[in-house]
Protein backbone atom coordinates (compact mmCIF):
# COMPACT_ATOMS: atom_id res chain seq x y z
CA UNK A 1 -23.76 -47.67 18.50
CA UNK A 2 -26.50 -48.98 20.54
CA UNK A 3 -26.16 -51.76 23.05
CA UNK A 4 -29.20 -53.79 21.78
CA UNK A 5 -29.57 -57.35 21.55
CA UNK A 6 -27.70 -59.96 19.13
CA UNK A 7 -30.47 -61.44 17.11
CA UNK A 8 -30.13 -64.70 14.96
CA UNK A 9 -32.50 -64.66 12.33
CA UNK A 10 -33.47 -67.62 9.64
CA UNK A 11 -34.86 -66.53 6.45
CA UNK A 12 -36.69 -69.15 4.35
CA UNK A 13 -39.47 -71.43 3.35
CA UNK A 14 -39.12 -74.71 4.72
CA UNK A 15 -41.40 -76.25 1.83
CA UNK A 16 -39.02 -75.10 -0.86
CA UNK A 17 -36.28 -77.73 0.07
CA UNK A 18 -32.93 -75.89 0.35
CA UNK A 19 -34.81 -72.52 0.92
CA UNK A 20 -35.69 -73.98 4.40
CA UNK A 21 -31.74 -73.73 5.64
CA UNK A 22 -32.49 -70.48 7.70
CA UNK A 23 -35.56 -71.90 9.51
CA UNK A 24 -33.41 -75.36 10.08
CA UNK A 25 -30.49 -73.71 11.47
CA UNK A 26 -32.92 -71.40 14.01
CA UNK A 27 -34.80 -74.59 15.23
CA UNK A 28 -31.39 -76.55 15.44
CA UNK A 29 -29.82 -73.59 17.84
CA UNK A 30 -33.21 -73.23 19.59
CA UNK A 31 -32.96 -76.93 20.55
CA UNK A 32 -29.40 -76.65 21.62
CA UNK A 33 -29.89 -73.12 23.33
CA UNK A 34 -28.63 -69.92 22.69
CA UNK A 35 -26.04 -67.52 24.76
CA UNK A 36 -28.41 -65.74 27.01
CA UNK A 37 -28.37 -62.43 25.47
CA UNK A 38 -29.04 -63.51 21.82
CA UNK A 39 -32.82 -63.61 20.44
CA UNK A 40 -33.71 -65.77 17.54
CA UNK A 41 -36.42 -65.51 14.90
CA UNK A 42 -37.89 -67.22 11.75
CA UNK A 43 -39.02 -64.87 8.98
CA UNK A 44 -40.54 -66.18 5.64
CA UNK A 45 -39.32 -63.18 3.22
CA UNK A 46 -36.25 -60.74 3.80
CA UNK A 47 -38.72 -57.91 3.93
CA UNK A 48 -39.61 -59.32 7.66
CA UNK A 49 -36.10 -58.57 8.47
CA UNK A 50 -36.40 -54.74 9.21
CA UNK A 51 -38.77 -55.60 11.81
CA UNK A 52 -37.08 -58.79 13.31
CA UNK A 53 -33.83 -56.92 13.58
CA UNK A 54 -35.45 -53.71 15.01
CA UNK A 55 -32.79 -52.59 17.89
CA UNK A 56 -30.43 -55.12 17.55
CA UNK A 57 -26.56 -54.11 17.74
CA UNK A 58 -25.56 -57.15 16.25
CA UNK A 59 -28.20 -59.19 13.46
CA UNK A 60 -26.65 -62.29 12.03
CA UNK A 61 -28.98 -63.66 8.91
CA UNK A 62 -29.30 -67.20 7.88
CA UNK A 63 -30.36 -67.67 4.13
CA UNK A 64 -30.28 -69.59 1.45
CA UNK A 65 -28.67 -68.04 -1.78
CA UNK A 66 -27.50 -68.81 -5.41
CA UNK A 67 -23.88 -68.00 -6.30
CA UNK A 68 -22.31 -68.26 -9.54
CA UNK A 69 -20.50 -70.69 -9.77
CA UNK A 70 -22.59 -72.83 -7.90
CA UNK A 71 -21.14 -75.11 -4.69
CA UNK A 72 -24.13 -76.55 -2.91
CA UNK A 73 -23.59 -76.45 0.64
CA UNK A 74 -20.75 -73.64 0.64
CA UNK A 75 -21.38 -71.39 3.05
CA UNK A 76 -20.28 -67.72 2.74
CA UNK A 77 -19.86 -64.95 5.32
CA UNK A 78 -20.93 -61.32 4.54
CA UNK A 79 -20.93 -58.32 6.09
CA UNK A 80 -23.15 -55.37 5.60
CA UNK A 81 -21.08 -53.48 2.97
CA UNK A 82 -20.18 -56.84 1.06
CA UNK A 83 -23.51 -57.98 0.30
CA UNK A 84 -23.68 -56.19 -3.13
CA UNK A 85 -20.18 -57.26 -3.94
CA UNK A 86 -19.35 -61.21 -3.05
CA UNK A 87 -21.00 -62.79 -6.39
CA UNK A 88 -24.74 -62.97 -4.67
CA UNK A 89 -26.77 -63.25 -8.03
CA UNK A 90 -30.04 -64.04 -6.92
CA UNK A 91 -31.93 -64.44 -3.78
CA UNK A 92 -34.32 -67.32 -3.21
CA UNK A 93 -37.02 -64.84 -2.32
CA UNK A 94 -38.83 -62.42 -4.57
CA UNK A 95 -37.65 -59.39 -2.42
CA UNK A 96 -33.75 -60.32 -1.68
CA UNK A 97 -31.76 -60.00 1.29
CA UNK A 98 -29.84 -57.02 -0.48
CA UNK A 99 -33.15 -55.06 -1.43
CA UNK A 100 -34.08 -55.43 2.48
CA UNK A 101 -30.73 -54.17 3.65
CA UNK A 102 -31.02 -51.06 1.15
CA UNK A 103 -34.40 -50.55 2.42
CA UNK A 104 -33.33 -50.79 5.70
CA UNK A 105 -30.64 -48.40 5.34
CA UNK A 106 -33.06 -45.89 3.53
CA UNK A 107 -35.40 -46.07 6.87
CA UNK A 108 -32.33 -45.91 9.20
CA UNK A 109 -33.38 -49.44 10.84
CA UNK A 110 -30.17 -50.98 9.98
CA UNK A 111 -28.23 -52.79 12.89
CA UNK A 112 -24.88 -51.42 13.83
CA UNK A 113 -23.21 -54.69 12.77
CA UNK A 114 -24.92 -56.86 10.18
CA UNK A 115 -23.52 -60.38 8.99
CA UNK A 116 -25.07 -62.85 6.79
CA UNK A 117 -24.18 -66.56 6.88
CA UNK A 118 -25.67 -67.63 3.31
CA UNK A 119 -25.79 -71.31 2.05
CA UNK A 120 -25.56 -71.91 -1.26
CA UNK A 121 -28.74 -73.91 -2.72
CA UNK A 122 -29.07 -77.18 -4.45
CA UNK A 123 -32.48 -77.68 -4.62
CA UNK A 124 -35.31 -74.98 -4.75
CA UNK A 125 -38.41 -76.86 -5.80
CA UNK A 126 -41.36 -77.38 -3.72
CA UNK A 127 -41.09 -80.25 -1.10
CA UNK A 128 -40.05 -80.32 2.47
CA UNK A 129 -36.28 -81.39 3.33
CA UNK A 130 -32.81 -80.01 2.48
CA UNK A 131 -30.34 -81.78 0.28
CA UNK A 132 -27.60 -83.59 1.95
CA UNK A 133 -25.00 -81.18 1.14
CA UNK A 134 -27.13 -78.26 2.78
CA UNK A 135 -28.01 -80.03 5.72
CA UNK A 136 -24.34 -80.86 6.34
CA UNK A 137 -23.75 -77.02 6.54
CA UNK A 138 -25.96 -76.46 9.71
CA UNK A 139 -23.13 -77.28 12.32
CA UNK A 140 -20.91 -75.01 10.26
CA UNK A 141 -23.45 -72.11 10.48
CA UNK A 142 -23.79 -72.81 14.09
CA UNK A 143 -19.87 -72.61 15.00
CA UNK A 144 -19.73 -69.53 12.80
CA UNK A 145 -22.61 -67.67 14.37
CA UNK A 146 -21.03 -68.31 18.04
CA UNK A 147 -17.76 -66.95 16.95
CA UNK A 148 -19.43 -63.72 15.81
CA UNK A 149 -19.29 -62.80 19.77
CA UNK A 150 -15.96 -64.53 20.12
CA UNK A 151 -18.07 -67.72 21.57
CA UNK A 152 -16.36 -71.16 21.36
CA UNK A 153 -18.24 -73.22 23.58
CA UNK A 154 -21.22 -75.35 23.07
CA UNK A 155 -24.64 -74.43 23.22
CA UNK A 156 -26.89 -74.61 26.05
CA UNK A 157 -30.74 -75.53 25.84
CA UNK A 158 -31.54 -74.09 29.41
CA UNK A 159 -30.42 -70.27 27.90
CA UNK A 160 -32.81 -70.16 24.89
CA UNK A 161 -34.77 -66.81 23.94
CA UNK A 162 -36.82 -66.14 21.19
CA UNK A 163 -38.19 -62.80 19.85
CA UNK A 164 -41.88 -63.20 18.82
CA UNK A 165 -42.06 -63.73 15.33
CA UNK A 166 -44.42 -61.45 12.85
CA UNK A 167 -46.89 -63.38 11.82
């Protein structure tokens, strides 16, 4: 087990409505601050995860997803081995989160711990802005991310660190 950093990664495209929830969560957390030993990153596609989480002991992924049956705004916590077994039917991306994890495993580039916080999307059409139900999930995701390290306090803007985003 490596003793690398924890990284919180938001996946998505803010020009496809609810698909922008991952970047929205990261921006919100950056404004509040993150624990000193956390890094944050925003990636447009799950294939970019492998580079973003390289060397991390814990990667927490935030992404929009489509589940059956649909319950917009519902948040799901999945660990590495649950990603293929919990009703996740379609990623909002061409190369999905599950495919990125499988590729990462084949390349031996998977973090020691991987937690995905997925939010059920309501609208994925072109356009900006999250649906109200998905936007309401942002504070829930923040609390869930903090609890992954046993944290219960508030986020502090003076402690934010950011990993350079792949570009």
